[in-house]
Amino acid sequence: MAMKRQIAEFELSDGTTHEVRLLLADKIRAERTRKARNWGENDMAMTTLMVWSAASRAGYYQGTFDEFQGTPEEPGDCVDLFVDQRERDEDDPTQPTTQNP
């Protein structure tokens, strides 16, 4: 069974879009924050936190999580996001690509 990688694609309010791989460190950070904030089982908040963590780690976003997610009354810097699972042999935006001449 091949290991699948979680790849997040997100759009910021400035119109830029980015892809980043979610690493174990991002998932652990999200789980610790979930417990500290007493979120319970809030899947969308957890997903958003993992994407923010990965985006911050990769240098795509420098703001806080609260600035990233916003509120229903005042949207944050992240306009939308999507997480996909890819096989190891599919494109991985965290790895350099190789091309045959």
N, C-alpha and C. Protein backbone atom coordinates (compact mmCIF):
# COMPACT_ATOMS: atom_id res chain seq x y z
N MET A 1 0.85 -1.18 0.00
CA MET A 1 0.00 0.00 0.00
C MET A 1 0.89 1.24 0.00
N ALA A 2 0.70 2.09 -0.96
CA ALA A 2 1.53 3.29 -1.09
C ALA A 2 1.05 4.37 -0.13
N MET A 3 2.02 5.04 0.45
CA MET A 3 1.71 6.15 1.34
C MET A 3 1.23 7.35 0.51
N LYS A 4 0.17 7.98 0.97
CA LYS A 4 -0.33 9.16 0.28
C LYS A 4 0.12 10.41 1.03
N ARG A 5 0.36 11.45 0.28
CA ARG A 5 0.77 12.73 0.86
C ARG A 5 -0.41 13.69 0.81
N GLN A 6 -0.56 14.47 1.86
CA GLN A 6 -1.61 15.48 1.87
C GLN A 6 -1.02 16.79 1.33
N ILE A 7 -1.64 17.30 0.27
CA ILE A 7 -1.21 18.54 -0.35
C ILE A 7 -2.35 19.54 -0.23
N ALA A 8 -2.06 20.71 0.30
CA ALA A 8 -3.06 21.76 0.43
C ALA A 8 -2.85 22.81 -0.64
N GLU A 9 -3.95 23.25 -1.21
CA GLU A 9 -3.94 24.39 -2.12
C GLU A 9 -4.79 25.46 -1.46
N PHE A 10 -4.26 26.69 -1.40
CA PHE A 10 -5.02 27.76 -0.77
C PHE A 10 -4.85 29.06 -1.54
N GLU A 11 -5.87 29.90 -1.42
CA GLU A 11 -5.87 31.21 -2.08
C GLU A 11 -5.91 32.29 -1.01
N LEU A 12 -5.05 33.29 -1.18
CA LEU A 12 -5.02 34.42 -0.26
C LEU A 12 -5.83 35.59 -0.84
N SER A 13 -6.19 36.52 0.02
CA SER A 13 -7.02 37.65 -0.40
C SER A 13 -6.34 38.54 -1.44
N ASP A 14 -5.02 38.42 -1.59
CA ASP A 14 -4.32 39.21 -2.61
C ASP A 14 -4.38 38.53 -3.99
N GLY A 15 -5.07 37.38 -4.07
CA GLY A 15 -5.25 36.68 -5.33
C GLY A 15 -4.22 35.61 -5.61
N THR A 16 -3.18 35.49 -4.79
CA THR A 16 -2.18 34.47 -5.01
C THR A 16 -2.69 33.11 -4.53
N THR A 17 -2.26 32.06 -5.22
CA THR A 17 -2.57 30.70 -4.80
C THR A 17 -1.26 29.95 -4.57
N HIS A 18 -1.29 29.03 -3.65
CA HIS A 18 -0.09 28.28 -3.27
C HIS A 18 -0.46 26.82 -3.02
N GLU A 19 0.51 25.94 -3.22
CA GLU A 19 0.40 24.54 -2.83
C GLU A 19 1.49 24.24 -1.83
N VAL A 20 1.14 23.48 -0.81
CA VAL A 20 2.12 23.11 0.21
C VAL A 20 1.74 21.74 0.76
N ARG A 21 2.76 20.97 1.09
CA ARG A 21 2.53 19.65 1.67
C ARG A 21 2.31 19.78 3.18
N LEU A 22 1.31 19.07 3.69
CA LEU A 22 1.07 19.03 5.13
C LEU A 22 1.98 17.96 5.74
N LEU A 23 2.81 18.37 6.66
CA LEU A 23 3.73 17.46 7.32
C LEU A 23 3.20 17.06 8.69
N LEU A 24 3.79 16.04 9.27
CA LEU A 24 3.39 15.60 10.61
C LEU A 24 3.47 16.76 11.60
N ALA A 25 4.48 17.59 11.50
CA ALA A 25 4.62 18.72 12.43
C ALA A 25 3.41 19.65 12.36
N ASP A 26 2.85 19.86 11.17
CA ASP A 26 1.66 20.70 11.02
C ASP A 26 0.45 20.06 11.69
N LYS A 27 0.33 18.75 11.58
CA LYS A 27 -0.79 18.03 12.16
C LYS A 27 -0.71 18.03 13.69
N ILE A 28 0.51 17.87 14.21
CA ILE A 28 0.69 17.89 15.67
C ILE A 28 0.41 19.29 16.21
N ARG A 29 0.89 20.31 15.52
CA ARG A 29 0.63 21.70 15.94
C ARG A 29 -0.88 21.96 15.99
N ALA A 30 -1.60 21.49 14.99
CA ALA A 30 -3.05 21.67 14.94
C ALA A 30 -3.73 20.94 16.10
N GLU A 31 -3.31 19.72 16.38
CA GLU A 31 -3.91 18.95 17.46
C GLU A 31 -3.67 19.61 18.82
N ARG A 32 -2.47 20.09 19.04
CA ARG A 32 -2.18 20.78 20.31
C ARG A 32 -3.01 22.06 20.45
N THR A 33 -3.15 22.79 19.37
CA THR A 33 -3.94 24.03 19.40
C THR A 33 -5.42 23.71 19.62
N ARG A 34 -5.90 22.65 18.98
CA ARG A 34 -7.30 22.23 19.18
C ARG A 34 -7.59 21.98 20.66
N LYS A 35 -6.68 21.28 21.31
CA LYS A 35 -6.86 20.98 22.73
C LYS A 35 -6.77 22.25 23.57
N ALA A 36 -5.81 23.12 23.27
CA ALA A 36 -5.64 24.35 24.05
C ALA A 36 -6.83 25.30 23.90
N ARG A 37 -7.46 25.29 22.72
CA ARG A 37 -8.60 26.19 22.46
C ARG A 37 -9.95 25.51 22.72
N ASN A 38 -9.92 24.26 23.18
CA ASN A 38 -11.15 23.51 23.47
C ASN A 38 -12.12 23.52 22.29
N TRP A 39 -11.63 23.20 21.10
CA TRP A 39 -12.45 23.21 19.90
C TRP A 39 -13.33 21.98 19.76
N GLY A 40 -13.04 20.92 20.47
CA GLY A 40 -13.78 19.70 20.23
C GLY A 40 -13.40 19.13 18.87
N GLU A 41 -14.36 18.52 18.21
CA GLU A 41 -14.11 17.90 16.90
C GLU A 41 -14.55 18.84 15.78
N ASN A 42 -13.81 19.90 15.56
CA ASN A 42 -14.13 20.88 14.52
C ASN A 42 -13.18 20.66 13.35
N ASP A 43 -13.64 19.87 12.37
CA ASP A 43 -12.78 19.48 11.25
C ASP A 43 -12.30 20.65 10.40
N MET A 44 -13.18 21.62 10.13
CA MET A 44 -12.78 22.74 9.27
C MET A 44 -11.73 23.60 9.96
N ALA A 45 -11.89 23.84 11.25
CA ALA A 45 -10.89 24.61 11.99
C ALA A 45 -9.55 23.88 12.02
N MET A 46 -9.59 22.56 12.20
CA MET A 46 -8.36 21.77 12.21
C MET A 46 -7.67 21.81 10.85
N THR A 47 -8.44 21.67 9.80
CA THR A 47 -7.87 21.71 8.45
C THR A 47 -7.26 23.08 8.17
N THR A 48 -7.98 24.13 8.52
CA THR A 48 -7.48 25.49 8.31
C THR A 48 -6.20 25.71 9.10
N LEU A 49 -6.16 25.22 10.33
CA LEU A 49 -4.96 25.38 11.16
C LEU A 49 -3.77 24.62 10.56
N MET A 50 -4.00 23.41 10.05
CA MET A 50 -2.91 22.65 9.43
C MET A 50 -2.39 23.37 8.19
N VAL A 51 -3.30 23.92 7.38
CA VAL A 51 -2.87 24.64 6.18
C VAL A 51 -2.12 25.90 6.57
N TRP A 52 -2.60 26.65 7.56
CA TRP A 52 -1.89 27.84 8.03
C TRP A 52 -0.49 27.46 8.53
N SER A 53 -0.39 26.39 9.30
CA SER A 53 0.90 25.95 9.83
C SER A 53 1.87 25.64 8.69
N ALA A 54 1.39 24.89 7.69
CA ALA A 54 2.24 24.54 6.55
C ALA A 54 2.62 25.78 5.75
N ALA A 55 1.65 26.68 5.54
CA ALA A 55 1.91 27.90 4.78
C ALA A 55 2.93 28.78 5.50
N SER A 56 2.84 28.86 6.80
CA SER A 56 3.81 29.65 7.60
C SER A 56 5.19 29.01 7.54
N ARG A 57 5.22 27.69 7.72
CA ARG A 57 6.50 26.97 7.69
C ARG A 57 7.19 27.13 6.34
N ALA A 58 6.41 27.11 5.27
CA ALA A 58 6.98 27.20 3.92
C ALA A 58 7.28 28.64 3.49
N GLY A 59 6.88 29.61 4.31
CA GLY A 59 7.16 31.00 3.99
C GLY A 59 6.14 31.67 3.08
N TYR A 60 4.99 31.01 2.86
CA TYR A 60 3.95 31.60 2.01
C TYR A 60 3.08 32.60 2.76
N TYR A 61 3.08 32.52 4.08
CA TYR A 61 2.21 33.40 4.88
C TYR A 61 2.93 33.74 6.19
N GLN A 62 2.93 35.02 6.56
CA GLN A 62 3.62 35.45 7.77
C GLN A 62 2.69 35.90 8.89
N GLY A 63 1.40 35.99 8.65
CA GLY A 63 0.46 36.46 9.67
C GLY A 63 0.09 35.39 10.68
N THR A 64 -0.75 35.78 11.64
CA THR A 64 -1.22 34.86 12.67
C THR A 64 -2.32 33.95 12.12
N PHE A 65 -2.63 32.91 12.87
CA PHE A 65 -3.71 32.02 12.47
C PHE A 65 -5.04 32.78 12.43
N ASP A 66 -5.29 33.63 13.42
CA ASP A 66 -6.54 34.38 13.44
C ASP A 66 -6.67 35.31 12.24
N GLU A 67 -5.56 35.88 11.79
CA GLU A 67 -5.58 36.71 10.58
C GLU A 67 -5.84 35.86 9.34
N PHE A 68 -5.30 34.66 9.34
CA PHE A 68 -5.46 33.73 8.22
C PHE A 68 -6.91 33.28 8.07
N GLN A 69 -7.56 32.90 9.18
CA GLN A 69 -8.91 32.34 9.11
C GLN A 69 -10.00 33.40 9.14
N GLY A 70 -9.79 34.49 9.86
CA GLY A 70 -10.83 35.52 9.97
C GLY A 70 -12.01 35.06 10.79
N THR A 71 -13.13 35.76 10.63
CA THR A 71 -14.38 35.44 11.33
C THR A 71 -15.52 35.52 10.32
N PRO A 72 -16.70 35.03 10.68
CA PRO A 72 -17.83 35.17 9.75
C PRO A 72 -18.15 36.64 9.43
N GLU A 73 -17.90 37.52 10.38
CA GLU A 73 -18.17 38.94 10.18
C GLU A 73 -17.07 39.63 9.38
N GLU A 74 -15.84 39.17 9.54
CA GLU A 74 -14.70 39.78 8.85
C GLU A 74 -13.79 38.67 8.32
N PRO A 75 -13.94 38.35 7.03
CA PRO A 75 -13.12 37.28 6.45
C PRO A 75 -11.63 37.54 6.62
N GLY A 76 -10.89 36.46 6.75
CA GLY A 76 -9.45 36.57 6.92
C GLY A 76 -8.71 36.61 5.60
N ASP A 77 -7.40 36.43 5.70
CA ASP A 77 -6.54 36.50 4.52
C ASP A 77 -6.67 35.27 3.62
N CYS A 78 -7.13 34.16 4.17
CA CYS A 78 -7.32 32.95 3.35
C CYS A 78 -8.74 32.97 2.79
N VAL A 79 -8.83 33.03 1.47
CA VAL A 79 -10.12 33.09 0.80
C VAL A 79 -10.75 31.71 0.70
N ASP A 80 -9.93 30.72 0.38
CA ASP A 80 -10.41 29.36 0.23
C ASP A 80 -9.25 28.39 0.33
N LEU A 81 -9.56 27.13 0.63
CA LEU A 81 -8.52 26.10 0.69
C LEU A 81 -9.10 24.75 0.36
N PHE A 82 -8.21 23.86 -0.05
CA PHE A 82 -8.58 22.50 -0.42
C PHE A 82 -7.40 21.60 -0.10
N VAL A 83 -7.69 20.44 0.49
CA VAL A 83 -6.64 19.47 0.79
C VAL A 83 -6.93 18.20 -0.01
N ASP A 84 -5.89 17.72 -0.68
CA ASP A 84 -6.00 16.54 -1.53
C ASP A 84 -4.94 15.52 -1.10
N GLN A 85 -5.23 14.26 -1.32
CA GLN A 85 -4.23 13.22 -1.07
C GLN A 85 -3.69 12.73 -2.40
N ARG A 86 -2.37 12.66 -2.50
CA ARG A 86 -1.72 12.22 -3.74
C ARG A 86 -0.79 11.06 -3.47
N GLU A 87 -0.70 10.21 -4.46
CA GLU A 87 0.25 9.10 -4.38
C GLU A 87 1.66 9.67 -4.39
N ARG A 88 2.61 8.93 -3.89
CA ARG A 88 4.00 9.39 -3.82
C ARG A 88 4.58 9.72 -5.18
N ASP A 89 4.13 9.03 -6.24
CA ASP A 89 4.74 9.26 -7.54
C ASP A 89 4.12 10.45 -8.27
N GLU A 90 3.05 11.05 -7.72
CA GLU A 90 2.48 12.25 -8.32
C GLU A 90 3.35 13.45 -7.96
N ASP A 91 3.12 14.57 -8.61
CA ASP A 91 3.88 15.79 -8.33
C ASP A 91 3.81 16.15 -6.86
N ASP A 92 4.93 16.46 -6.29
CA ASP A 92 5.04 16.89 -4.90
C ASP A 92 5.65 18.29 -4.90
N PRO A 93 4.88 19.33 -4.54
CA PRO A 93 5.42 20.68 -4.60
C PRO A 93 6.56 20.96 -3.62
N THR A 94 6.82 20.02 -2.71
CA THR A 94 7.93 20.23 -1.78
C THR A 94 9.23 19.64 -2.29
N GLN A 95 9.18 18.96 -3.44
CA GLN A 95 10.36 18.31 -3.98
C GLN A 95 10.74 18.94 -5.33
N PRO A 96 12.04 19.03 -5.63
CA PRO A 96 12.44 19.54 -6.94
C PRO A 96 11.98 18.59 -8.03
N THR A 97 11.68 19.15 -9.18
CA THR A 97 11.26 18.30 -10.29
C THR A 97 12.48 17.93 -11.12
N THR A 98 12.39 16.77 -11.75
CA THR A 98 13.46 16.35 -12.65
C THR A 98 12.88 16.27 -14.04
N GLN A 99 13.66 16.69 -15.02
CA GLN A 99 13.19 16.66 -16.39
C GLN A 99 14.21 15.92 -17.22
N ASN A 100 13.72 15.15 -18.17
CA ASN A 100 14.61 14.44 -19.09
C ASN A 100 14.88 15.36 -20.28
N PRO A 101 16.16 15.47 -20.69
CA PRO A 101 16.47 16.34 -21.81
C PRO A 101 15.92 15.82 -23.12
